[in-house]
Amino acid sequence: MLELTYKLSECQGCRGFLALVDCRLSQERVDREVEQARSVLRPDLLNRLQVFFLSAEQDIGEALRSAGLGEQEVERLEEALSRISPGRASRRIPRAAQDLVFEYLLNAYLLGKGPLTTESVMRATGYSYPPVAKALELLDPFVTRHSDRRLELACFPYKEWRRYLGVYERGRFADKFEAPAGMARSPDQLLSRLSKLQQPGVAISGAHAARHYFPDLDLVGAPRLDLCLHMPRGYSESRLPARLDPALESADFDSGNPALVIWPVYRAVSMFDADGEDRGLEWADPVSCLLALHDARLEAQVQELVDAFESGRARGATADPA
């Protein structure tokens, strides 16, 4: 803080912002430090200095807006942060808060997690209160609100699910890969290779994960390998396809027979499920599995898996949401 005040003394009219990321000090302790500084520092400097807390997962842009900065100030600071510390730049994700909030609520519903607090939704999605509150308002027709202000989906919201699928199809939120004829590895071979890579932030999705959640699923084999890649900042430098199979090449989103499909997961909390067999693998969340099954044109299996979760027959479904 002293270093920042020195810089402010050299720049008349400038404002200073001190972001404490995952700080171990309490808010009260920091407030005391600021009050002590007032006794030795010029008031005009402290009046231009603002201190705020920031979690590692929190969106910097949202935090700056919550601190009272205007949009132009936020944009300039985000640009500077991206140069100084690319890993701490603001989230740049191509999905609306409504979609991420819906994913989290639907996952909680399918897994029978019960009512949720707004704070838990904020932590899971990585959004601050204003966009989460707006998203919940849009989802209100499908939500049951309790007297303690907790909330949950009342049932599987098929109308909202169709809207969500439409957003995905228009946005083409998946990367698909093919291999030349005669050179492609089978989905199980790719899966075996994945288990050897031990790459964090990757989860098995699609047909493989659907059978993990519901072994009795009416599906023989797996037409492809679907994987989820956790990207809470909105980007990834992963070279996963080449590491799984150097023969894989990018395919068009409308490809009817991809060997590998990678789905980005933008939530701050992945909701991946540990493998449980000490293979270093994770399973994607139920919503990601349903989305991959839909993309593979396995609509009957989508409904079968939804029914299994709602009846409590699927693995991880701790209660019957109905």
Protein backbone atom coordinates (compact mmCIF):
# COMPACT_ATOMS: atom_id res chain seq x y z
CA MET A 1 0.00 0.00 0.00
CA LEU A 2 2.88 2.36 0.75
CA GLU A 3 4.40 1.73 -2.67
CA LEU A 4 1.08 2.55 -4.29
CA THR A 5 0.71 5.79 -2.31
CA TYR A 6 4.22 6.83 -3.42
CA LYS A 7 3.15 6.40 -7.04
CA LEU A 8 -0.02 8.38 -6.39
CA SER A 9 2.05 11.22 -4.93
CA GLU A 10 3.94 11.38 -8.24
CA CYS A 11 0.79 11.35 -10.36
CA GLN A 12 -1.70 14.04 -9.45
CA GLY A 13 -5.23 13.10 -10.44
CA CYS A 14 -4.50 9.37 -10.64
CA ARG A 15 -6.45 6.77 -8.68
CA GLY A 16 -4.97 3.66 -7.09
CA PHE A 17 -6.54 0.25 -6.63
CA LEU A 18 -5.04 -2.43 -4.41
CA ALA A 19 -6.50 -5.89 -5.10
CA LEU A 20 -5.87 -8.44 -2.36
CA VAL A 21 -6.17 -11.84 -4.07
CA ASP A 22 -7.05 -14.72 -1.71
CA CYS A 23 -5.69 -12.59 1.12
CA ARG A 24 -5.31 -14.32 4.48
CA LEU A 25 -5.92 -11.07 6.33
CA SER A 26 -9.48 -10.36 7.42
CA GLN A 27 -11.42 -7.34 6.21
CA GLU A 28 -11.26 -5.92 9.75
CA ARG A 29 -7.47 -6.25 9.84
CA VAL A 30 -7.08 -4.45 6.52
CA ASP A 31 -9.45 -1.70 7.67
CA ARG A 32 -7.29 -1.19 10.77
CA GLU A 33 -4.17 -0.95 8.62
CA VAL A 34 -5.82 1.68 6.43
CA GLU A 35 -6.89 3.70 9.49
CA GLN A 36 -3.35 3.59 10.87
CA ALA A 37 -2.05 4.78 7.51
CA ARG A 38 -4.34 7.80 7.70
CA SER A 39 -2.31 9.11 10.64
CA VAL A 40 0.90 9.29 8.61
CA LEU A 41 -0.21 9.73 5.00
CA ARG A 42 -1.71 12.74 3.31
CA PRO A 43 -5.53 12.55 3.19
CA ASP A 44 -5.63 13.48 -0.51
CA LEU A 45 -3.56 10.36 -1.31
CA LEU A 46 -5.70 7.98 0.72
CA ASN A 47 -8.86 9.42 -0.80
CA ARG A 48 -7.57 8.32 -4.19
CA LEU A 49 -6.70 4.82 -2.96
CA GLN A 50 -9.18 1.95 -2.87
CA VAL A 51 -8.59 -1.53 -1.42
CA PHE A 52 -10.75 -4.52 -2.23
CA PHE A 53 -10.63 -8.29 -1.79
CA LEU A 54 -10.64 -10.73 -4.71
CA SER A 55 -10.78 -14.53 -4.75
CA ALA A 56 -8.59 -16.45 -7.18
CA GLU A 57 -11.64 -17.52 -9.21
CA GLN A 58 -13.45 -14.18 -9.17
CA ASP A 59 -13.81 -12.19 -12.34
CA ILE A 60 -11.62 -9.09 -12.03
CA GLY A 61 -13.88 -7.06 -14.31
CA GLU A 62 -16.92 -7.76 -12.16
CA ALA A 63 -14.96 -6.94 -8.98
CA LEU A 64 -13.84 -3.60 -10.42
CA ARG A 65 -17.39 -2.71 -11.43
CA SER A 66 -18.62 -3.64 -7.95
CA ALA A 67 -15.95 -1.31 -6.54
CA GLY A 68 -17.61 1.57 -8.38
CA LEU A 69 -15.41 1.92 -11.46
CA GLY A 70 -16.87 3.06 -14.75
CA GLU A 71 -16.80 0.88 -17.84
CA GLN A 72 -13.93 2.80 -19.47
CA GLU A 73 -11.82 2.51 -16.31
CA VAL A 74 -12.53 -1.23 -16.13
CA GLU A 75 -11.53 -1.74 -19.76
CA ARG A 76 -8.24 0.17 -19.30
CA LEU A 77 -7.36 -1.77 -16.15
CA GLU A 78 -8.23 -5.11 -17.76
CA GLU A 79 -6.01 -4.28 -20.71
CA ALA A 80 -3.13 -3.39 -18.37
CA LEU A 81 -3.65 -6.56 -16.32
CA SER A 82 -3.60 -8.72 -19.45
CA ARG A 83 -0.13 -7.34 -20.28
CA ILE A 84 1.28 -7.55 -16.77
CA SER A 85 -0.28 -10.86 -15.71
CA PRO A 86 -2.12 -12.75 -18.46
CA GLY A 87 -3.27 -15.39 -15.99
CA ARG A 88 -5.09 -12.77 -13.90
CA ALA A 89 -6.85 -11.05 -16.77
CA SER A 90 -10.61 -10.83 -16.63
CA ARG A 91 -12.70 -13.77 -17.77
CA ARG A 92 -13.51 -13.65 -21.46
CA ILE A 93 -16.10 -16.36 -21.89
CA PRO A 94 -18.58 -16.57 -24.77
CA ARG A 95 -21.46 -17.72 -22.57
CA ALA A 96 -24.04 -15.59 -20.77
CA ALA A 97 -24.47 -15.74 -17.00
CA GLN A 98 -27.94 -17.20 -17.57
CA ASP A 99 -26.40 -20.28 -19.21
CA LEU A 100 -23.86 -20.94 -16.45
CA VAL A 101 -26.42 -20.36 -13.72
CA PHE A 102 -28.82 -22.71 -15.49
CA GLU A 103 -26.12 -25.39 -15.78
CA TYR A 104 -25.40 -25.19 -12.07
CA LEU A 105 -29.07 -25.27 -11.01
CA LEU A 106 -29.82 -28.17 -13.35
CA ASN A 107 -26.81 -30.16 -12.13
CA ALA A 108 -27.90 -29.58 -8.54
CA TYR A 109 -31.44 -30.70 -9.43
CA LEU A 110 -30.31 -33.89 -11.18
CA LEU A 111 -27.93 -34.79 -8.34
CA GLY A 112 -30.57 -34.07 -5.70
CA LYS A 113 -28.51 -31.43 -3.91
CA GLY A 114 -31.56 -29.61 -2.56
CA PRO A 115 -32.06 -25.84 -2.18
CA LEU A 116 -29.11 -23.53 -2.92
CA THR A 117 -28.08 -20.11 -1.67
CA THR A 118 -27.45 -17.29 -4.10
CA GLU A 119 -23.90 -17.11 -2.72
CA SER A 120 -23.25 -20.73 -3.70
CA VAL A 121 -24.46 -19.99 -7.23
CA MET A 122 -22.09 -17.01 -7.39
CA ARG A 123 -19.13 -19.12 -6.23
CA ALA A 124 -19.92 -21.94 -8.65
CA THR A 125 -20.40 -19.77 -11.72
CA GLY A 126 -17.72 -17.18 -10.96
CA TYR A 127 -20.14 -14.29 -11.43
CA SER A 128 -20.87 -11.49 -8.97
CA TYR A 129 -24.30 -10.76 -7.55
CA PRO A 130 -25.77 -8.49 -10.28
CA PRO A 131 -25.46 -10.93 -13.23
CA VAL A 132 -26.46 -13.90 -11.04
CA ALA A 133 -29.53 -12.07 -9.76
CA LYS A 134 -30.51 -11.16 -13.32
CA ALA A 135 -30.04 -14.76 -14.46
CA LEU A 136 -32.16 -16.05 -11.58
CA GLU A 137 -34.86 -13.54 -12.49
CA LEU A 138 -34.91 -14.91 -16.05
CA LEU A 139 -35.10 -18.46 -14.70
CA ASP A 140 -37.78 -17.59 -12.14
CA PRO A 141 -40.61 -19.49 -13.92
CA PHE A 142 -38.71 -22.74 -13.31
CA VAL A 143 -37.49 -22.01 -9.78
CA THR A 144 -38.94 -22.71 -6.35
CA ARG A 145 -37.93 -20.10 -3.75
CA HIS A 146 -37.97 -21.00 -0.06
CA SER A 147 -38.64 -18.81 2.97
CA ASP A 148 -34.92 -18.79 3.87
CA ARG A 149 -34.16 -17.35 0.38
CA ARG A 150 -32.66 -20.57 -0.89
CA LEU A 151 -33.86 -21.80 -4.26
CA GLU A 152 -33.94 -24.82 -6.55
CA LEU A 153 -35.44 -25.96 -9.83
CA ALA A 154 -39.00 -27.21 -9.39
CA CYS A 155 -38.67 -29.85 -12.13
CA PHE A 156 -36.67 -30.55 -15.26
CA PRO A 157 -37.26 -27.34 -17.23
CA TYR A 158 -37.68 -28.65 -20.78
CA LYS A 159 -38.49 -25.22 -22.23
CA GLU A 160 -35.31 -23.70 -20.77
CA TRP A 161 -33.37 -26.80 -21.81
CA ARG A 162 -34.43 -26.25 -25.44
CA ARG A 163 -33.35 -22.60 -25.21
CA TYR A 164 -29.99 -23.71 -23.79
CA LEU A 165 -29.51 -26.22 -26.63
CA GLY A 166 -30.30 -23.50 -29.15
CA VAL A 167 -27.61 -21.24 -27.68
CA TYR A 168 -25.08 -24.07 -27.87
CA GLU A 169 -25.97 -24.90 -31.48
CA ARG A 170 -25.76 -21.29 -32.62
CA GLY A 171 -22.53 -20.68 -30.72
CA ARG A 172 -20.90 -23.97 -31.81
CA PHE A 173 -19.42 -24.42 -28.36
CA ALA A 174 -17.37 -27.55 -29.04
CA ASP A 175 -14.19 -28.49 -30.88
CA LYS A 176 -14.46 -31.63 -33.01
CA PHE A 177 -11.67 -33.76 -34.41
CA GLU A 178 -11.40 -36.47 -37.03
CA ALA A 179 -8.59 -38.73 -38.21
CA PRO A 180 -7.89 -39.84 -41.79
CA ALA A 181 -9.54 -43.11 -42.80
CA GLY A 182 -7.70 -46.08 -41.42
CA MET A 183 -5.66 -43.99 -38.97
CA ALA A 184 -8.23 -43.24 -36.26
CA ARG A 185 -7.91 -44.75 -32.81
CA SER A 186 -11.06 -46.13 -31.23
CA PRO A 187 -12.76 -44.15 -28.43
CA ASP A 188 -11.55 -46.73 -25.91
CA GLN A 189 -7.98 -46.39 -27.19
CA LEU A 190 -8.19 -42.62 -26.80
CA LEU A 191 -9.58 -43.09 -23.30
CA SER A 192 -6.71 -45.42 -22.39
CA ARG A 193 -4.26 -42.81 -23.66
CA LEU A 194 -6.01 -40.13 -21.58
CA SER A 195 -5.58 -42.16 -18.39
CA LYS A 196 -1.82 -42.18 -18.99
CA LEU A 197 -1.59 -38.41 -19.56
CA GLN A 198 -2.88 -37.52 -16.08
CA GLN A 199 -3.90 -34.07 -17.31
CA PRO A 200 -5.79 -31.98 -14.73
CA GLY A 201 -8.96 -30.14 -15.63
CA VAL A 202 -10.13 -32.80 -18.08
CA ALA A 203 -13.21 -34.97 -17.56
CA ILE A 204 -14.83 -37.79 -19.51
CA SER A 205 -18.24 -36.91 -20.92
CA GLY A 206 -20.74 -38.24 -23.45
CA ALA A 207 -21.68 -41.91 -23.65
CA HIS A 208 -18.83 -43.06 -21.40
CA ALA A 209 -19.85 -40.73 -18.56
CA ALA A 210 -23.55 -41.44 -19.09
CA ARG A 211 -22.86 -45.13 -18.41
CA HIS A 212 -20.81 -44.14 -15.37
CA TYR A 213 -23.86 -42.40 -13.93
CA PHE A 214 -26.35 -45.02 -15.15
CA PRO A 215 -24.79 -48.39 -16.09
CA ASP A 216 -28.15 -49.69 -17.37
CA LEU A 217 -28.31 -47.04 -20.10
CA ASP A 218 -29.67 -48.51 -23.34
CA LEU A 219 -26.56 -47.90 -25.41
CA VAL A 220 -24.06 -50.37 -26.86
CA GLY A 221 -20.53 -49.06 -27.32
CA ALA A 222 -19.54 -45.43 -27.74
CA PRO A 223 -19.50 -43.73 -31.15
CA ARG A 224 -16.83 -41.24 -30.10
CA LEU A 225 -14.97 -39.84 -27.09
CA ASP A 226 -16.39 -36.69 -25.52
CA LEU A 227 -14.20 -34.77 -23.07
CA CYS A 228 -14.81 -31.64 -21.00
CA LEU A 229 -12.02 -29.12 -20.48
CA HIS A 230 -12.34 -26.83 -17.44
CA MET A 231 -11.71 -23.26 -18.65
CA PRO A 232 -12.83 -20.89 -15.84
CA ARG A 233 -10.87 -17.98 -17.35
CA GLY A 234 -12.39 -18.55 -20.78
CA TYR A 235 -9.31 -19.90 -22.55
CA SER A 236 -6.90 -22.82 -22.47
CA GLU A 237 -3.50 -23.56 -23.96
CA SER A 238 -4.09 -27.31 -23.85
CA ARG A 239 -2.71 -29.44 -26.70
CA LEU A 240 -4.83 -32.36 -25.62
CA PRO A 241 -5.98 -33.62 -29.07
CA ALA A 242 -2.42 -33.91 -30.39
CA ARG A 243 -1.32 -35.66 -27.20
CA LEU A 244 -4.16 -38.17 -27.49
CA ASP A 245 -3.58 -38.91 -31.16
CA PRO A 246 -1.23 -36.96 -33.47
CA ALA A 247 -3.37 -38.05 -36.44
CA LEU A 248 -6.38 -36.07 -35.23
CA GLU A 249 -7.33 -33.04 -37.31
CA SER A 250 -9.86 -30.27 -36.66
CA ALA A 251 -13.29 -31.02 -38.09
CA ASP A 252 -16.30 -28.85 -38.86
CA PHE A 253 -18.80 -28.39 -36.05
CA ASP A 254 -21.43 -30.14 -38.19
CA SER A 255 -19.24 -33.22 -38.64
CA GLY A 256 -21.46 -36.28 -38.36
CA ASN A 257 -18.80 -38.72 -37.19
CA PRO A 258 -16.04 -37.08 -35.12
CA ALA A 259 -13.58 -39.26 -33.22
CA LEU A 260 -13.08 -36.71 -30.43
CA VAL A 261 -15.20 -33.81 -29.17
CA ILE A 262 -13.90 -31.35 -26.57
CA TRP A 263 -16.40 -29.27 -24.63
CA PRO A 264 -15.36 -26.12 -22.72
CA VAL A 265 -16.67 -25.78 -19.15
CA TYR A 266 -16.59 -22.12 -18.13
CA ARG A 267 -17.99 -22.36 -14.59
CA ALA A 268 -15.60 -21.43 -11.77
CA VAL A 269 -16.45 -24.81 -10.18
CA SER A 270 -16.20 -27.68 -12.65
CA MET A 271 -18.57 -30.07 -10.81
CA PHE A 272 -16.51 -32.96 -12.18
CA ASP A 273 -16.82 -36.28 -10.35
CA ALA A 274 -13.66 -38.20 -9.33
CA ASP A 275 -13.22 -41.56 -11.04
CA GLY A 276 -12.99 -43.56 -7.82
CA GLU A 277 -10.74 -46.19 -9.40
CA ASP A 278 -7.45 -44.37 -8.80
CA ARG A 279 -6.88 -43.82 -12.52
CA GLY A 280 -6.49 -40.06 -12.19
CA LEU A 281 -9.62 -39.49 -14.29
CA GLU A 282 -12.77 -37.46 -13.66
CA TRP A 283 -16.30 -37.65 -15.00
CA ALA A 284 -18.07 -34.62 -16.43
CA ASP A 285 -21.15 -33.20 -14.73
CA PRO A 286 -24.59 -34.55 -15.74
CA VAL A 287 -25.55 -31.50 -17.82
CA SER A 288 -22.39 -31.79 -19.91
CA CYS A 289 -23.18 -35.48 -20.48
CA LEU A 290 -26.72 -34.67 -21.62
CA LEU A 291 -25.42 -31.99 -23.99
CA ALA A 292 -22.91 -34.42 -25.54
CA LEU A 293 -25.58 -37.11 -25.97
CA HIS A 294 -27.85 -34.55 -27.66
CA ASP A 295 -25.03 -33.53 -30.00
CA ALA A 296 -24.49 -37.21 -30.89
CA ARG A 297 -28.22 -37.44 -31.76
CA LEU A 298 -28.91 -39.86 -28.91
CA GLU A 299 -32.15 -38.23 -27.77
CA ALA A 300 -33.64 -41.44 -26.37
CA GLN A 301 -30.59 -41.82 -24.13
CA VAL A 302 -30.89 -38.17 -23.05
CA GLN A 303 -34.40 -38.80 -21.77
CA GLU A 304 -33.41 -42.14 -20.24
CA LEU A 305 -30.60 -40.50 -18.27
CA VAL A 306 -32.85 -37.65 -17.11
CA ASP A 307 -35.42 -40.19 -15.91
CA ALA A 308 -32.71 -42.14 -14.07
CA PHE A 309 -31.56 -39.03 -12.21
CA GLU A 310 -35.09 -37.93 -11.37
CA SER A 311 -35.98 -41.36 -9.99
CA GLY A 312 -32.78 -41.57 -7.93
CA ARG A 313 -31.49 -44.57 -9.92
CA ALA A 314 -28.45 -42.77 -11.34
CA ARG A 315 -25.14 -42.70 -9.51
CA GLY A 316 -24.70 -39.49 -7.53
CA ALA A 317 -28.42 -38.78 -7.32
CA THR A 318 -28.64 -38.48 -3.53
CA ALA A 319 -32.36 -37.82 -3.45
CA ASP A 320 -35.43 -37.78 -5.64
CA PRO A 321 -35.85 -34.09 -6.59
CA ALA A 322 -39.56 -34.64 -7.04
